[in-house]
């Protein structure tokens, strides 16, 4: 996925991501590690060194992979924009409701539906191909079935069957 392709979720039937700001000492990974520079080791031939960034930007795209099939999407990490200045960081993380299900459903909708169809038809196709309905056990013998499509779509699209 190109670096900013996830931003198309703003112009989709899904609830828009909300920016969450952080300002403070370096604490937000991009994606798993603190912002750093990778270079060839000066002491060990054929090895790499990882050096903390002193100054710089990182634009981390939505992290995802496919698991068992080409359309079996798995969420890895949220998009992050980060600026580091010595030991300080300004970071913007884009937060969505039900992040695992949100991004997996969005990826399915975005990549696996027919873009010549209407939004409603594409949603119908995505829900059929990727139902995203789970049964949750609360540990007290009670079960609850949740359709995550109802939690992640904008209100006008949750009424669609």
C-alpha atoms as a PDB file:
ATOM      1  CA  UNK A   1       0.000   0.000   0.000  1.00  0.00           C
ATOM      2  CA  UNK A   2       1.337   3.390  -0.891  1.00  0.00           C
ATOM      3  CA  UNK A   3       2.178   5.547   2.091  1.00  0.00           C
ATOM      4  CA  UNK A   4      -0.964   7.681   2.148  1.00  0.00           C
ATOM      5  CA  UNK A   5      -3.496   5.341   0.513  1.00  0.00           C
ATOM      6  CA  UNK A   6      -5.111   4.673   3.927  1.00  0.00           C
ATOM      7  CA  UNK A   7      -6.276   8.325   3.911  1.00  0.00           C
ATOM      8  CA  UNK A   8      -8.950   7.314   1.402  1.00  0.00           C
ATOM      9  CA  UNK A   9     -10.799   5.993   4.449  1.00  0.00           C
ATOM     10  CA  UNK A  10     -11.793   9.638   5.129  1.00  0.00           C
ATOM     11  CA  UNK A  11     -13.807   9.647   1.904  1.00  0.00           C
ATOM     12  CA  UNK A  12     -15.426   6.263   2.445  1.00  0.00           C
ATOM     13  CA  UNK A  13     -18.475   4.837   4.237  1.00  0.00           C
ATOM     14  CA  UNK A  14     -16.240   4.137   7.263  1.00  0.00           C
ATOM     15  CA  UNK A  15     -16.039   6.421  10.281  1.00  0.00           C
ATOM     16  CA  UNK A  16     -13.042   8.730   9.757  1.00  0.00           C
ATOM     17  CA  UNK A  17      -9.795   8.225  11.682  1.00  0.00           C
ATOM     18  CA  UNK A  18      -9.204  10.666  14.538  1.00  0.00           C
ATOM     19  CA  UNK A  19      -5.740  12.171  14.977  1.00  0.00           C
ATOM     20  CA  UNK A  20      -4.231  11.616  18.429  1.00  0.00           C
ATOM     21  CA  UNK A  21      -1.352  13.968  19.258  1.00  0.00           C
ATOM     22  CA  UNK A  22       1.652  13.271  21.442  1.00  0.00           C
ATOM     23  CA  UNK A  23       4.294  15.822  22.440  1.00  0.00           C
ATOM     24  CA  UNK A  24       7.077  14.798  24.800  1.00  0.00           C
ATOM     25  CA  UNK A  25      10.187  12.688  25.104  1.00  0.00           C
ATOM     26  CA  UNK A  26      10.571  10.073  22.356  1.00  0.00           C
ATOM     27  CA  UNK A  27       7.994   7.403  23.175  1.00  0.00           C
ATOM     28  CA  UNK A  28       6.042   6.532  20.003  1.00  0.00           C
ATOM     29  CA  UNK A  29       7.492   3.755  17.873  1.00  0.00           C
ATOM     30  CA  UNK A  30       7.514   3.916  14.092  1.00  0.00           C
ATOM     31  CA  UNK A  31       6.131   1.213  13.994  1.00  0.00           C
ATOM     32  CA  UNK A  32       7.837  -1.106  16.516  1.00  0.00           C
ATOM     33  CA  UNK A  33      10.996   0.779  17.387  1.00  0.00           C
ATOM     34  CA  UNK A  34      11.752   4.350  18.316  1.00  0.00           C
ATOM     35  CA  UNK A  35      12.672   6.513  15.305  1.00  0.00           C
ATOM     36  CA  UNK A  36      16.101   5.497  14.123  1.00  0.00           C
ATOM     37  CA  UNK A  37      18.525   5.493  11.248  1.00  0.00           C
ATOM     38  CA  UNK A  38      19.852   2.243   9.767  1.00  0.00           C
ATOM     39  CA  UNK A  39      23.373   2.223   8.302  1.00  0.00           C
ATOM     40  CA  UNK A  40      26.182  -0.209   7.547  1.00  0.00           C
ATOM     41  CA  UNK A  41      28.224  -1.054  10.619  1.00  0.00           C
ATOM     42  CA  UNK A  42      31.618   0.618  10.835  1.00  0.00           C
ATOM     43  CA  UNK A  43      32.958  -2.128  13.103  1.00  0.00           C
ATOM     44  CA  UNK A  44      31.378  -5.363  11.734  1.00  0.00           C
ATOM     45  CA  UNK A  45      31.481  -6.032   8.019  1.00  0.00           C
ATOM     46  CA  UNK A  46      28.117  -7.120   6.581  1.00  0.00           C
ATOM     47  CA  UNK A  47      26.133  -5.907   9.626  1.00  0.00           C
ATOM     48  CA  UNK A  48      23.788  -2.983  10.177  1.00  0.00           C
ATOM     49  CA  UNK A  49      23.743  -0.431  13.000  1.00  0.00           C
ATOM     50  CA  UNK A  50      20.609   1.187  14.367  1.00  0.00           C
ATOM     51  CA  UNK A  51      21.184   4.704  15.615  1.00  0.00           C
ATOM     52  CA  UNK A  52      18.542   6.869  17.315  1.00  0.00           C
ATOM     53  CA  UNK A  53      17.452   9.781  15.158  1.00  0.00           C
ATOM     54  CA  UNK A  54      18.522  13.227  16.320  1.00  0.00           C
ATOM     55  CA  UNK A  55      16.322  15.194  13.908  1.00  0.00           C
ATOM     56  CA  UNK A  56      13.885  13.896  11.325  1.00  0.00           C
ATOM     57  CA  UNK A  57      10.440  12.942  10.075  1.00  0.00           C
ATOM     58  CA  UNK A  58       8.857   9.504   9.775  1.00  0.00           C
ATOM     59  CA  UNK A  59       5.646   8.899   7.846  1.00  0.00           C
ATOM     60  CA  UNK A  60       4.491   5.385   8.697  1.00  0.00           C
ATOM     61  CA  UNK A  61       1.659   4.000   6.625  1.00  0.00           C
ATOM     62  CA  UNK A  62      -1.033   1.609   7.752  1.00  0.00           C
ATOM     63  CA  UNK A  63       0.636  -1.689   8.578  1.00  0.00           C
ATOM     64  CA  UNK A  64      -1.054  -4.846   7.321  1.00  0.00           C
ATOM     65  CA  UNK A  65      -0.318  -8.212   5.775  1.00  0.00           C
ATOM     66  CA  UNK A  66      -2.217 -11.073   4.199  1.00  0.00           C
ATOM     67  CA  UNK A  67      -2.267 -14.306   6.157  1.00  0.00           C
ATOM     68  CA  UNK A  68      -3.578 -17.485   4.521  1.00  0.00           C
ATOM     69  CA  UNK A  69      -5.221 -16.201   1.341  1.00  0.00           C
ATOM     70  CA  UNK A  70      -4.621 -13.100  -0.809  1.00  0.00           C
ATOM     71  CA  UNK A  71      -7.790 -11.501   0.634  1.00  0.00           C
ATOM     72  CA  UNK A  72      -7.165 -12.532   4.273  1.00  0.00           C
ATOM     73  CA  UNK A  73      -6.025  -9.149   5.634  1.00  0.00           C
ATOM     74  CA  UNK A  74      -4.448  -8.714   9.069  1.00  0.00           C
ATOM     75  CA  UNK A  75      -3.945  -5.371  10.777  1.00  0.00           C
ATOM     76  CA  UNK A  76      -0.423  -4.717  12.117  1.00  0.00           C
ATOM     77  CA  UNK A  77      -0.139  -1.023  13.163  1.00  0.00           C
ATOM     78  CA  UNK A  78      -1.920   2.310  12.854  1.00  0.00           C
ATOM     79  CA  UNK A  79      -0.602   5.118  10.642  1.00  0.00           C
ATOM     80  CA  UNK A  80       1.783   7.490  12.463  1.00  0.00           C
ATOM     81  CA  UNK A  81       3.463  10.753  11.534  1.00  0.00           C
ATOM     82  CA  UNK A  82       6.429  11.585  13.723  1.00  0.00           C
ATOM     83  CA  UNK A  83       8.914  14.438  14.051  1.00  0.00           C
ATOM     84  CA  UNK A  84      11.967  13.991  16.273  1.00  0.00           C
ATOM     85  CA  UNK A  85      14.154  16.826  17.533  1.00  0.00           C
ATOM     86  CA  UNK A  86      16.974  15.488  19.710  1.00  0.00           C
ATOM     87  CA  UNK A  87      15.213  13.693  22.614  1.00  0.00           C
ATOM     88  CA  UNK A  88      11.768  15.174  21.879  1.00  0.00           C
ATOM     89  CA  UNK A  89       8.994  13.950  19.635  1.00  0.00           C
ATOM     90  CA  UNK A  90       5.790  15.247  18.142  1.00  0.00           C
ATOM     91  CA  UNK A  91       3.689  12.347  16.880  1.00  0.00           C
ATOM     92  CA  UNK A  92       0.249  12.046  15.343  1.00  0.00           C
ATOM     93  CA  UNK A  93      -1.335   8.592  15.435  1.00  0.00           C
ATOM     94  CA  UNK A  94      -4.553   8.037  13.500  1.00  0.00           C
ATOM     95  CA  UNK A  95      -7.039   6.210  15.717  1.00  0.00           C
ATOM     96  CA  UNK A  96     -10.178   4.393  14.556  1.00  0.00           C
ATOM     97  CA  UNK A  97     -12.943   2.542  16.424  1.00  0.00           C
ATOM     98  CA  UNK A  98     -12.322  -1.202  16.788  1.00  0.00           C
ATOM     99  CA  UNK A  99      -8.951  -0.827  15.075  1.00  0.00           C
ATOM    100  CA  UNK A 100      -8.331  -4.471  14.150  1.00  0.00           C
ATOM    101  CA  UNK A 101     -11.762  -5.041  12.633  1.00  0.00           C
ATOM    102  CA  UNK A 102     -11.929  -1.522  11.176  1.00  0.00           C
ATOM    103  CA  UNK A 103      -8.780  -1.803   9.094  1.00  0.00           C
ATOM    104  CA  UNK A 104      -9.390  -5.416   8.075  1.00  0.00           C
ATOM    105  CA  UNK A 105     -12.905  -4.528   6.883  1.00  0.00           C
ATOM    106  CA  UNK A 106     -11.662  -1.361   5.179  1.00  0.00           C
ATOM    107  CA  UNK A 107      -8.912  -3.252   3.340  1.00  0.00           C
ATOM    108  CA  UNK A 108     -11.454  -5.828   2.207  1.00  0.00           C
ATOM    109  CA  UNK A 109     -13.840  -3.089   1.066  1.00  0.00           C
ATOM    110  CA  UNK A 110     -11.091  -1.087  -0.657  1.00  0.00           C
ATOM    111  CA  UNK A 111      -9.259  -3.912  -2.440  1.00  0.00           C
ATOM    112  CA  UNK A 112     -11.778  -6.714  -2.864  1.00  0.00           C
ATOM    113  CA  UNK A 113     -14.963  -4.977  -4.034  1.00  0.00           C
ATOM    114  CA  UNK A 114     -15.943  -3.888  -7.528  1.00  0.00           C
ATOM    115  CA  UNK A 115     -15.162  -0.149  -7.758  1.00  0.00           C
ATOM    116  CA  UNK A 116     -17.617   0.287 -10.636  1.00  0.00           C
ATOM    117  CA  UNK A 117     -20.528  -0.393  -8.256  1.00  0.00           C
ATOM    118  CA  UNK A 118     -22.191   2.060  -5.887  1.00  0.00           C
ATOM    119  CA  UNK A 119     -21.005   2.453  -2.307  1.00  0.00           C
ATOM    120  CA  UNK A 120     -24.019   0.508  -1.033  1.00  0.00           C
ATOM    121  CA  UNK A 121     -23.411  -2.341  -3.482  1.00  0.00           C
ATOM    122  CA  UNK A 122     -19.718  -2.454  -2.567  1.00  0.00           C
ATOM    123  CA  UNK A 123     -20.584  -2.593   1.141  1.00  0.00           C
ATOM    124  CA  UNK A 124     -23.069  -5.381   0.515  1.00  0.00           C
ATOM    125  CA  UNK A 125     -20.382  -7.317  -1.384  1.00  0.00           C
ATOM    126  CA  UNK A 126     -17.757  -6.693   1.347  1.00  0.00           C
ATOM    127  CA  UNK A 127     -20.120  -7.784   4.135  1.00  0.00           C
ATOM    128  CA  UNK A 128     -20.923 -10.975   2.242  1.00  0.00           C
ATOM    129  CA  UNK A 129     -17.252 -11.799   1.527  1.00  0.00           C
ATOM    130  CA  UNK A 130     -15.980 -10.712   4.955  1.00  0.00           C
ATOM    131  CA  UNK A 131     -18.835 -10.851   7.504  1.00  0.00           C
ATOM    132  CA  UNK A 132     -16.790  -9.634  10.518  1.00  0.00           C
ATOM    133  CA  UNK A 133     -19.301 -11.068  13.005  1.00  0.00           C
ATOM    134  CA  UNK A 134     -17.864 -12.531  16.197  1.00  0.00           C
ATOM    135  CA  UNK A 135     -19.280 -14.246  19.264  1.00  0.00           C
ATOM    136  CA  UNK A 136     -17.779 -12.870  22.450  1.00  0.00           C
ATOM    137  CA  UNK A 137     -17.707 -14.942  25.643  1.00  0.00           C
ATOM    138  CA  UNK A 138     -17.731 -12.773  28.766  1.00  0.00           C
ATOM    139  CA  UNK A 139     -16.482 -15.492  31.098  1.00  0.00           C
ATOM    140  CA  UNK A 140     -19.761 -15.796  33.000  1.00  0.00           C
ATOM    141  CA  UNK A 141     -21.373 -18.214  30.597  1.00  0.00           C
ATOM    142  CA  UNK A 142     -22.961 -15.427  28.542  1.00  0.00           C
ATOM    143  CA  UNK A 143     -22.297 -14.933  24.861  1.00  0.00           C
ATOM    144  CA  UNK A 144     -22.801 -11.851  22.741  1.00  0.00           C
ATOM    145  CA  UNK A 145     -22.699 -11.732  18.952  1.00  0.00           C
ATOM    146  CA  UNK A 146     -21.211  -8.529  17.546  1.00  0.00           C
ATOM    147  CA  UNK A 147     -21.297  -7.343  13.940  1.00  0.00           C
ATOM    148  CA  UNK A 148     -18.335  -4.991  13.717  1.00  0.00           C
ATOM    149  CA  UNK A 149     -19.606  -3.498  10.465  1.00  0.00           C
ATOM    150  CA  UNK A 150     -22.269  -1.744  12.571  1.00  0.00           C
ATOM    151  CA  UNK A 151     -19.585  -0.223  14.812  1.00  0.00           C
ATOM    152  CA  UNK A 152     -17.194   1.038  12.156  1.00  0.00           C
ATOM    153  CA  UNK A 153     -19.458   2.415   9.419  1.00  0.00           C
ATOM    154  CA  UNK A 154     -20.878   5.918   9.335  1.00  0.00           C
ATOM    155  CA  UNK A 155     -24.466   6.016  10.626  1.00  0.00           C
ATOM    156  CA  UNK A 156     -26.109   6.333   7.223  1.00  0.00           C
ATOM    157  CA  UNK A 157     -24.491   3.041   6.113  1.00  0.00           C
ATOM    158  CA  UNK A 158     -25.233   0.915   9.198  1.00  0.00           C
ATOM    159  CA  UNK A 159     -28.868   0.500   8.158  1.00  0.00           C
ATOM    160  CA  UNK A 160     -27.896  -1.280   4.912  1.00  0.00           C
ATOM    161  CA  UNK A 161     -28.613  -5.003   4.843  1.00  0.00           C
END
